[in-house]
C-alpha atoms as a PDB file:
ATOM      1  CA  MET A   1     -12.604 225.113-185.614  1.00  0.00           C
ATOM      2  CA  LYS A   2     -12.016 223.572-188.566  1.00  0.00           C
ATOM      3  CA  ILE A   3     -14.650 220.901-189.870  1.00  0.00           C
ATOM      4  CA  TYR A   4     -13.768 217.992-192.622  1.00  0.00           C
ATOM      5  CA  GLU A   5     -14.593 214.704-193.617  1.00  0.00           C
ATOM      6  CA  HIS A   6     -11.858 211.979-193.496  1.00  0.00           C
ATOM      7  CA  LYS A   7     -11.730 208.300-193.851  1.00  0.00           C
ATOM      8  CA  ASN A   8     -15.670 208.186-193.703  1.00  0.00           C
ATOM      9  CA  LYS A   9     -15.547 210.244-190.380  1.00  0.00           C
ATOM     10  CA  ILE A  10     -16.192 213.878-189.659  1.00  0.00           C
ATOM     11  CA  VAL A  11     -12.950 215.224-188.070  1.00  0.00           C
ATOM     12  CA  ALA A  12     -13.110 218.365-185.979  1.00  0.00           C
ATOM     13  CA  GLU A  13      -9.406 220.749-185.132  1.00  0.00           C
ATOM     14  CA  ASN A  14      -9.144 223.309-182.934  1.00  0.00           C
ATOM     15  CA  ILE A  15     -11.982 223.041-180.132  1.00  0.00           C
ATOM     16  CA  GLU A  16     -10.729 224.023-177.412  1.00  0.00           C
ATOM     17  CA  ASN A  17     -12.087 223.403-173.713  1.00  0.00           C
ATOM     18  CA  PHE A  18     -13.443 220.091-175.161  1.00  0.00           C
ATOM     19  CA  SER A  19     -13.119 216.636-173.469  1.00  0.00           C
ATOM     20  CA  LEU A  20     -15.447 213.556-174.406  1.00  0.00           C
ATOM     21  CA  ALA A  21     -14.312 212.102-170.624  1.00  0.00           C
ATOM     22  CA  ASP A  22     -15.421 215.540-168.873  1.00  0.00           C
ATOM     23  CA  ILE A  23     -18.636 215.559-170.928  1.00  0.00           C
ATOM     24  CA  PHE A  24     -19.697 212.039-170.260  1.00  0.00           C
ATOM     25  CA  GLU A  25     -18.806 211.480-166.804  1.00  0.00           C
ATOM     26  CA  CYS A  26     -20.198 214.810-165.060  1.00  0.00           C
ATOM     27  CA  GLY A  27     -23.781 213.565-164.426  1.00  0.00           C
ATOM     28  CA  GLN A  28     -25.451 215.230-167.784  1.00  0.00           C
ATOM     29  CA  CYS A  29     -26.202 212.244-169.980  1.00  0.00           C
ATOM     30  CA  PHE A  30     -27.157 208.758-169.794  1.00  0.00           C
ATOM     31  CA  ARG A  31     -26.827 206.955-172.909  1.00  0.00           C
ATOM     32  CA  PHE A  32     -23.348 207.522-173.960  1.00  0.00           C
ATOM     33  CA  ASN A  33     -20.835 204.812-172.426  1.00  0.00           C
ATOM     34  CA  TYR A  34     -16.825 204.622-172.853  1.00  0.00           C
ATOM     35  CA  ASN A  35     -15.549 201.389-174.680  1.00  0.00           C
ATOM     36  CA  LYS A  36     -12.329 200.428-173.203  1.00  0.00           C
ATOM     37  CA  SER A  37     -11.164 198.041-175.889  1.00  0.00           C
ATOM     38  CA  GLY A  38     -11.819 200.722-178.732  1.00  0.00           C
ATOM     39  CA  GLN A  39     -11.332 203.721-176.711  1.00  0.00           C
ATOM     40  CA  PHE A  40     -14.047 205.284-177.856  1.00  0.00           C
ATOM     41  CA  TYR A  41     -17.351 206.569-176.720  1.00  0.00           C
ATOM     42  CA  GLU A  42     -20.495 205.084-178.081  1.00  0.00           C
ATOM     43  CA  GLY A  43     -24.122 205.812-177.423  1.00  0.00           C
ATOM     44  CA  ALA A  44     -27.623 207.295-179.023  1.00  0.00           C
ATOM     45  CA  ALA A  45     -29.021 210.451-179.323  1.00  0.00           C
ATOM     46  CA  PHE A  46     -31.976 211.840-181.783  1.00  0.00           C
ATOM     47  CA  GLY A  47     -32.752 208.499-182.938  1.00  0.00           C
ATOM     48  CA  LYS A  48     -28.920 208.088-184.553  1.00  0.00           C
ATOM     49  CA  TYR A  49     -26.429 205.950-183.049  1.00  0.00           C
ATOM     50  CA  LEU A  50     -22.872 207.630-182.771  1.00  0.00           C
ATOM     51  CA  ARG A  51     -18.880 206.367-181.581  1.00  0.00           C
ATOM     52  CA  VAL A  52     -17.013 209.214-181.074  1.00  0.00           C
ATOM     53  CA  TYR A  53     -13.214 209.809-180.100  1.00  0.00           C
ATOM     54  CA  GLN A  54     -10.061 212.019-179.609  1.00  0.00           C
ATOM     55  CA  ALA A  55      -6.440 211.764-180.379  1.00  0.00           C
ATOM     56  CA  ASP A  56      -3.572 214.021-181.314  1.00  0.00           C
ATOM     57  CA  ASN A  57      -5.879 217.197-180.464  1.00  0.00           C
ATOM     58  CA  LYS A  58      -8.676 215.969-182.910  1.00  0.00           C
ATOM     59  CA  ILE A  59     -12.190 214.507-182.324  1.00  0.00           C
ATOM     60  CA  TYR A  60     -13.406 211.774-184.815  1.00  0.00           C
ATOM     61  CA  PHE A  61     -17.127 211.334-185.169  1.00  0.00           C
ATOM     62  CA  GLU A  62     -17.830 208.009-186.980  1.00  0.00           C
ATOM     63  CA  THR A  63     -20.737 209.530-188.969  1.00  0.00           C
ATOM     64  CA  ASP A  64     -21.744 211.473-192.251  1.00  0.00           C
ATOM     65  CA  LEU A  65     -21.722 215.563-193.025  1.00  0.00           C
ATOM     66  CA  GLU A  66     -25.690 215.291-193.015  1.00  0.00           C
ATOM     67  CA  ASP A  67     -25.910 213.773-189.518  1.00  0.00           C
ATOM     68  CA  PHE A  68     -22.928 215.810-188.036  1.00  0.00           C
ATOM     69  CA  ASN A  69     -24.122 219.359-189.066  1.00  0.00           C
ATOM     70  CA  ASN A  70     -27.609 218.320-188.154  1.00  0.00           C
ATOM     71  CA  ILE A  71     -27.791 216.647-184.736  1.00  0.00           C
ATOM     72  CA  TRP A  72     -24.041 216.254-183.633  1.00  0.00           C
ATOM     73  CA  ARG A  73     -22.967 219.730-183.906  1.00  0.00           C
ATOM     74  CA  ASP A  74     -25.717 221.484-182.141  1.00  0.00           C
ATOM     75  CA  PHE A  75     -25.716 218.297-179.691  1.00  0.00           C
ATOM     76  CA  PHE A  76     -22.149 219.079-178.579  1.00  0.00           C
ATOM     77  CA  ASP A  77     -22.736 222.614-178.514  1.00  0.00           C
ATOM     78  CA  LEU A  78     -19.314 223.278-180.916  1.00  0.00           C
ATOM     79  CA  ASP A  79     -20.343 226.771-181.866  1.00  0.00           C
ATOM     80  CA  ARG A  80     -19.967 228.061-178.524  1.00  0.00           C
ATOM     81  CA  ASP A  81     -16.809 229.627-177.088  1.00  0.00           C
ATOM     82  CA  TYR A  82     -16.267 227.868-174.188  1.00  0.00           C
ATOM     83  CA  LYS A  83     -12.908 229.135-173.552  1.00  0.00           C
ATOM     84  CA  ASN A  84     -14.317 232.502-172.724  1.00  0.00           C
ATOM     85  CA  ILE A  85     -16.725 231.351-170.264  1.00  0.00           C
ATOM     86  CA  PHE A  86     -14.010 229.034-168.510  1.00  0.00           C
ATOM     87  CA  GLU A  87     -12.031 231.986-168.222  1.00  0.00           C
ATOM     88  CA  LYS A  88     -14.887 234.050-166.912  1.00  0.00           C
ATOM     89  CA  LEU A  89     -15.680 231.336-164.224  1.00  0.00           C
ATOM     90  CA  ARG A  90     -12.212 230.922-163.162  1.00  0.00           C
ATOM     91  CA  GLN A  91     -12.304 234.227-160.978  1.00  0.00           C
ATOM     92  CA  ASP A  92     -13.771 232.676-158.495  1.00  0.00           C
ATOM     93  CA  LYS A  93     -10.935 230.516-156.791  1.00  0.00           C
ATOM     94  CA  ILE A  94     -13.025 227.351-155.798  1.00  0.00           C
ATOM     95  CA  LEU A  95     -14.374 227.084-159.406  1.00  0.00           C
ATOM     96  CA  LYS A  96     -10.606 228.110-160.707  1.00  0.00           C
ATOM     97  CA  LYS A  97      -9.995 224.664-158.665  1.00  0.00           C
ATOM     98  CA  ALA A  98     -12.831 223.051-160.219  1.00  0.00           C
ATOM     99  CA  SER A  99     -12.656 223.880-163.608  1.00  0.00           C
ATOM    100  CA  ASP A 100      -8.856 223.285-163.794  1.00  0.00           C
ATOM    101  CA  PHE A 101      -9.950 219.709-162.766  1.00  0.00           C
ATOM    102  CA  CYS A 102     -12.341 219.034-165.608  1.00  0.00           C
ATOM    103  CA  PRO A 103     -11.841 221.951-168.261  1.00  0.00           C
ATOM    104  CA  GLY A 104     -13.490 220.016-171.184  1.00  0.00           C
ATOM    105  CA  VAL A 105     -17.073 220.251-169.777  1.00  0.00           C
ATOM    106  CA  ARG A 106     -19.656 221.378-172.012  1.00  0.00           C
ATOM    107  CA  ILE A 107     -23.299 221.374-171.517  1.00  0.00           C
ATOM    108  CA  LEU A 108     -24.945 219.031-174.246  1.00  0.00           C
ATOM    109  CA  LYS A 109     -28.050 220.109-175.866  1.00  0.00           C
ATOM    110  CA  GLN A 110     -30.388 216.896-175.958  1.00  0.00           C
ATOM    111  CA  GLU A 111     -33.830 215.877-177.006  1.00  0.00           C
ATOM    112  CA  PRO A 112     -36.256 217.441-174.240  1.00  0.00           C
ATOM    113  CA  PHE A 113     -38.710 214.431-174.010  1.00  0.00           C
ATOM    114  CA  GLU A 114     -35.586 211.949-173.246  1.00  0.00           C
ATOM    115  CA  CYS A 115     -33.796 214.391-171.048  1.00  0.00           C
ATOM    116  CA  LEU A 116     -36.808 214.522-169.095  1.00  0.00           C
ATOM    117  CA  ILE A 117     -37.743 211.213-168.555  1.00  0.00           C
ATOM    118  CA  SER A 118     -33.693 210.396-167.925  1.00  0.00           C
ATOM    119  CA  PHE A 119     -33.948 213.162-165.105  1.00  0.00           C
ATOM    120  CA  ILE A 120     -37.447 211.561-163.773  1.00  0.00           C
ATOM    121  CA  ILE A 121     -35.526 208.432-163.612  1.00  0.00           C
ATOM    122  CA  SER A 122     -32.196 209.969-161.717  1.00  0.00           C
ATOM    123  CA  GLN A 123     -34.302 210.947-158.775  1.00  0.00           C
ATOM    124  CA  ASN A 124     -33.236 209.290-155.634  1.00  0.00           C
ATOM    125  CA  ASN A 125     -31.086 207.161-157.900  1.00  0.00           C
ATOM    126  CA  ASN A 126     -27.278 206.645-158.588  1.00  0.00           C
ATOM    127  CA  ILE A 127     -25.778 206.806-162.327  1.00  0.00           C
ATOM    128  CA  PRO A 128     -25.386 203.232-163.115  1.00  0.00           C
ATOM    129  CA  ARG A 129     -28.431 202.164-162.102  1.00  0.00           C
ATOM    130  CA  ILE A 130     -29.986 205.134-163.810  1.00  0.00           C
ATOM    131  CA  LYS A 131     -28.233 203.839-167.002  1.00  0.00           C
ATOM    132  CA  LYS A 132     -29.707 200.441-166.588  1.00  0.00           C
ATOM    133  CA  ILE A 133     -33.220 201.541-166.291  1.00  0.00           C
ATOM    134  CA  ILE A 134     -32.760 203.744-169.299  1.00  0.00           C
ATOM    135  CA  GLU A 135     -31.257 201.271-171.481  1.00  0.00           C
ATOM    136  CA  ARG A 136     -34.267 198.570-170.291  1.00  0.00           C
ATOM    137  CA  LEU A 137     -36.403 201.499-171.352  1.00  0.00           C
ATOM    138  CA  CYS A 138     -34.890 201.476-174.909  1.00  0.00           C
ATOM    139  CA  GLU A 139     -34.508 198.183-175.428  1.00  0.00           C
ATOM    140  CA  ASN A 140     -38.024 197.431-174.490  1.00  0.00           C
ATOM    141  CA  PHE A 141     -40.050 200.277-176.119  1.00  0.00           C
ATOM    142  CA  GLY A 142     -37.587 201.742-178.451  1.00  0.00           C
ATOM    143  CA  ASP A 143     -37.229 201.737-182.349  1.00  0.00           C
ATOM    144  CA  LYS A 144     -34.246 199.290-183.197  1.00  0.00           C
ATOM    145  CA  ILE A 145     -31.090 201.850-184.878  1.00  0.00           C
ATOM    146  CA  GLU A 146     -29.000 198.338-185.702  1.00  0.00           C
ATOM    147  CA  ASP A 147     -28.343 195.446-183.871  1.00  0.00           C
ATOM    148  CA  ASN A 148     -28.583 195.937-179.918  1.00  0.00           C
ATOM    149  CA  LYS A 149     -28.821 199.742-180.518  1.00  0.00           C
ATOM    150  CA  TYR A 150     -32.064 201.406-179.683  1.00  0.00           C
ATOM    151  CA  ALA A 151     -33.500 205.012-179.717  1.00  0.00           C
ATOM    152  CA  PHE A 152     -35.271 206.390-176.909  1.00  0.00           C
ATOM    153  CA  PRO A 153     -38.866 205.754-176.982  1.00  0.00           C
ATOM    154  CA  THR A 154     -41.383 208.294-178.206  1.00  0.00           C
ATOM    155  CA  ALA A 155     -43.896 209.791-175.822  1.00  0.00           C
ATOM    156  CA  GLY A 156     -46.582 208.314-178.310  1.00  0.00           C
ATOM    157  CA  LYS A 157     -45.049 204.697-177.516  1.00  0.00           C
ATOM    158  CA  LEU A 158     -45.203 205.088-173.830  1.00  0.00           C
ATOM    159  CA  ALA A 159     -48.345 206.929-173.558  1.00  0.00           C
ATOM    160  CA  GLY A 160     -50.059 203.740-174.520  1.00  0.00           C
ATOM    161  CA  LEU A 161     -48.267 201.812-171.705  1.00  0.00           C
ATOM    162  CA  SER A 162     -49.580 200.776-168.463  1.00  0.00           C
ATOM    163  CA  PRO A 163     -47.636 200.253-165.399  1.00  0.00           C
ATOM    164  CA  GLU A 164     -47.309 196.663-165.573  1.00  0.00           C
ATOM    165  CA  ASP A 165     -45.877 197.110-168.788  1.00  0.00           C
ATOM    166  CA  LEU A 166     -43.569 199.173-167.866  1.00  0.00           C
ATOM    167  CA  ALA A 167     -42.441 196.771-164.866  1.00  0.00           C
ATOM    168  CA  VAL A 168     -40.052 195.436-166.941  1.00  0.00           C
ATOM    169  CA  ILE A 169     -37.733 198.224-167.025  1.00  0.00           C
ATOM    170  CA  LYS A 170     -37.517 197.992-163.313  1.00  0.00           C
ATOM    171  CA  SER A 171     -38.167 202.016-162.211  1.00  0.00           C
ATOM    172  CA  GLY A 172     -39.961 201.345-159.099  1.00  0.00           C
ATOM    173  CA  PHE A 173     -42.261 204.555-157.704  1.00  0.00           C
ATOM    174  CA  ARG A 174     -40.795 206.477-160.744  1.00  0.00           C
ATOM    175  CA  ALA A 175     -42.994 204.471-163.517  1.00  0.00           C
ATOM    176  CA  LYS A 176     -45.972 206.300-162.678  1.00  0.00           C
ATOM    177  CA  TYR A 177     -44.080 209.665-163.240  1.00  0.00           C
ATOM    178  CA  ILE A 178     -42.733 208.272-166.650  1.00  0.00           C
ATOM    179  CA  LEU A 179     -46.445 207.591-167.873  1.00  0.00           C
ATOM    180  CA  ASP A 180     -48.024 210.945-166.629  1.00  0.00           C
ATOM    181  CA  ALA A 181     -44.819 212.872-168.738  1.00  0.00           C
ATOM    182  CA  ALA A 182     -45.757 210.468-171.863  1.00  0.00           C
ATOM    183  CA  VAL A 183     -49.379 211.134-171.696  1.00  0.00           C
ATOM    184  CA  LYS A 184     -49.532 214.806-170.982  1.00  0.00           C
ATOM    185  CA  ILE A 185     -47.039 215.244-173.817  1.00  0.00           C
ATOM    186  CA  ASN A 186     -48.644 212.878-176.300  1.00  0.00           C
ATOM    187  CA  SER A 187     -51.889 214.623-175.841  1.00  0.00           C
ATOM    188  CA  GLY A 188     -50.456 218.036-176.168  1.00  0.00           C
ATOM    189  CA  GLU A 189     -51.462 218.992-172.547  1.00  0.00           C
ATOM    190  CA  ILE A 190     -47.586 220.021-172.214  1.00  0.00           C
ATOM    191  CA  ASP A 191     -45.935 221.114-175.379  1.00  0.00           C
ATOM    192  CA  LEU A 192     -42.167 220.971-174.650  1.00  0.00           C
ATOM    193  CA  ASN A 193     -41.674 222.897-177.413  1.00  0.00           C
ATOM    194  CA  LEU A 194     -43.049 226.137-175.857  1.00  0.00           C
ATOM    195  CA  VAL A 195     -40.135 225.744-173.106  1.00  0.00           C
ATOM    196  CA  TYR A 196     -37.151 226.628-175.487  1.00  0.00           C
ATOM    197  CA  ASN A 197     -39.204 230.541-175.659  1.00  0.00           C
ATOM    198  CA  LEU A 198     -40.008 230.504-172.093  1.00  0.00           C
ATOM    199  CA  SER A 199     -37.838 232.534-169.127  1.00  0.00           C
ATOM    200  CA  LEU A 200     -36.244 230.097-166.570  1.00  0.00           C
ATOM    201  CA  GLU A 201     -38.563 230.775-164.041  1.00  0.00           C
ATOM    202  CA  ASP A 202     -41.690 230.278-166.225  1.00  0.00           C
ATOM    203  CA  GLY A 203     -40.204 227.200-168.173  1.00  0.00           C
ATOM    204  CA  ALA A 204     -39.479 225.468-164.461  1.00  0.00           C
ATOM    205  CA  GLU A 205     -42.946 225.944-163.519  1.00  0.00           C
ATOM    206  CA  TYR A 206     -44.646 224.899-166.826  1.00  0.00           C
ATOM    207  CA  LEU A 207     -42.783 221.478-166.244  1.00  0.00           C
ATOM    208  CA  LYS A 208     -43.697 220.974-163.018  1.00  0.00           C
ATOM    209  CA  ASN A 209     -47.286 220.551-163.844  1.00  0.00           C
ATOM    210  CA  ILE A 210     -46.046 217.038-164.794  1.00  0.00           C
ATOM    211  CA  LYS A 211     -46.059 214.480-161.967  1.00  0.00           C
ATOM    212  CA  GLY A 212     -42.552 213.566-160.231  1.00  0.00           C
ATOM    213  CA  VAL A 213     -40.848 216.929-161.782  1.00  0.00           C
ATOM    214  CA  GLY A 214     -39.964 219.585-158.930  1.00  0.00           C
ATOM    215  CA  ASP A 215     -36.951 221.964-158.727  1.00  0.00           C
ATOM    216  CA  LYS A 216     -34.082 219.644-159.480  1.00  0.00           C
ATOM    217  CA  VAL A 217     -35.636 217.724-162.321  1.00  0.00           C
ATOM    218  CA  SER A 218     -36.815 220.933-163.930  1.00  0.00           C
ATOM    219  CA  ALA A 219     -33.587 222.603-163.700  1.00  0.00           C
ATOM    220  CA  CYS A 220     -31.629 219.584-165.307  1.00  0.00           C
ATOM    221  CA  VAL A 221     -34.220 219.873-168.315  1.00  0.00           C
ATOM    222  CA  LEU A 222     -33.892 223.467-168.708  1.00  0.00           C
ATOM    223  CA  LEU A 223     -30.205 223.159-168.635  1.00  0.00           C
ATOM    224  CA  PHE A 224     -29.306 219.843-170.754  1.00  0.00           C
ATOM    225  CA  ALA A 225     -31.993 220.006-172.878  1.00  0.00           C
ATOM    226  CA  TYR A 226     -32.871 223.744-173.405  1.00  0.00           C
ATOM    227  CA  ASN A 227     -29.469 224.966-173.433  1.00  0.00           C
ATOM    228  CA  LYS A 228     -30.618 227.952-170.603  1.00  0.00           C
ATOM    229  CA  LEU A 229     -27.048 228.007-169.099  1.00  0.00           C
ATOM    230  CA  ASN A 230     -28.361 229.987-165.956  1.00  0.00           C
ATOM    231  CA  ALA A 231     -30.501 226.804-164.863  1.00  0.00           C
ATOM    232  CA  PHE A 232     -28.415 225.737-161.680  1.00  0.00           C
ATOM    233  CA  PRO A 233     -29.796 222.244-160.530  1.00  0.00           C
ATOM    234  CA  VAL A 234     -29.709 221.178-156.825  1.00  0.00           C
ATOM    235  CA  ASP A 235     -29.025 217.754-155.978  1.00  0.00           C
ATOM    236  CA  VAL A 236     -27.828 216.441-152.589  1.00  0.00           C
ATOM    237  CA  TRP A 237     -24.528 216.557-153.799  1.00  0.00           C
ATOM    238  CA  ILE A 238     -24.534 220.317-155.274  1.00  0.00           C
ATOM    239  CA  LYS A 239     -26.404 221.086-151.688  1.00  0.00           C
ATOM    240  CA  LYS A 240     -23.334 219.558-150.062  1.00  0.00           C
ATOM    241  CA  ILE A 241     -20.595 221.319-152.322  1.00  0.00           C
ATOM    242  CA  ILE A 242     -22.483 224.957-151.450  1.00  0.00           C
ATOM    243  CA  GLU A 243     -22.843 223.977-147.674  1.00  0.00           C
ATOM    244  CA  LYS A 244     -18.732 223.227-148.041  1.00  0.00           C
ATOM    245  CA  TYR A 245     -17.676 225.790-150.284  1.00  0.00           C
ATOM    246  CA  TYR A 246     -20.353 228.912-150.373  1.00  0.00           C
ATOM    247  CA  PRO A 247     -21.770 229.406-146.874  1.00  0.00           C
ATOM    248  CA  GLY A 248     -22.138 232.876-147.547  1.00  0.00           C
ATOM    249  CA  GLY A 249     -24.261 232.249-150.540  1.00  0.00           C
ATOM    250  CA  TYR A 250     -23.206 232.209-154.583  1.00  0.00           C
ATOM    251  CA  ASP A 251     -24.006 233.888-157.680  1.00  0.00           C
ATOM    252  CA  PHE A 252     -22.643 232.229-160.945  1.00  0.00           C
ATOM    253  CA  GLY A 253     -24.789 234.525-163.394  1.00  0.00           C
ATOM    254  CA  GLU A 254     -25.523 233.781-167.041  1.00  0.00           C
ATOM    255  CA  TYR A 255     -23.372 230.672-167.043  1.00  0.00           C
ATOM    256  CA  ALA A 256     -24.318 229.071-163.528  1.00  0.00           C
ATOM    257  CA  GLY A 257     -25.120 225.773-165.175  1.00  0.00           C
ATOM    258  CA  ILE A 258     -21.512 224.969-166.269  1.00  0.00           C
ATOM    259  CA  ALA A 259     -20.010 226.263-162.992  1.00  0.00           C
ATOM    260  CA  ASN A 260     -22.867 223.384-161.350  1.00  0.00           C
ATOM    261  CA  ALA A 261     -21.033 220.963-163.938  1.00  0.00           C
ATOM    262  CA  TYR A 262     -17.752 221.826-162.610  1.00  0.00           C
ATOM    263  CA  LEU A 263     -18.336 221.757-159.435  1.00  0.00           C
ATOM    264  CA  PHE A 264     -20.124 218.510-159.264  1.00  0.00           C
ATOM    265  CA  TYR A 265     -17.441 216.532-161.634  1.00  0.00           C
ATOM    266  CA  TYR A 266     -14.792 217.932-159.352  1.00  0.00           C
ATOM    267  CA  GLU A 267     -16.253 217.017-155.972  1.00  0.00           C
ATOM    268  CA  ARG A 268     -17.526 213.540-156.805  1.00  0.00           C
ATOM    269  CA  ASN A 269     -14.040 212.523-158.467  1.00  0.00           C
ATOM    270  CA  ASN A 270     -11.157 214.890-157.204  1.00  0.00           C
ATOM    271  CA  LYS A 271      -9.530 212.495-154.571  1.00  0.00           C
END
């Protein structure tokens, strides 16, 4: 991998198995969207706004070197050898088809509180509506980054709200779960930093102390925030995939979460 600055951008070359479309359209992140007119993805994470695009086998990050190294390099998991993981998972014939369809999937390392709240909102919901609820949440309660761009609100900000305050985001029954999470995290009853050092099983049980967090939400947070790549979230789509392709059971090992992302994206988008 080669990283350098060029015309107020950070350019990354020689990164294999990396596709912005595969990364941002596979259901793991809800705050980055494709700008058709500019042909780039834009969004916010860790209180920073980013525009990023690919061209001529290079990735262009519109940011400075400090933010690239402190935020985006880790966020995109750039230092992991995904080519090796890709080859290992392709030994399964179904995963070979799925990974061929979306070879550029990478698991993002998202901020834990944002990831937790996002997947609480995702319950019994579809991606366009999830994105709208999260955007309203940020616009109403997040700090402004720049014109019409807002950071994800902190637990401290949300903990001081009432269900009536939160009605503006139109999250329905999920509002009480959002507030429960914010209050417990703001008070220190739940310390999200502890989860980094917990096993997959212990981490899931710890997160389930928050109302509305069950097997699926906890697995998503463990995978997409804590980069526990053996986590395997099961939603309606994945349940159908397992019943269709793996009726005798499955074992994707240490990279189960990446297998999950391949399968989810493939089944939803392959026509």
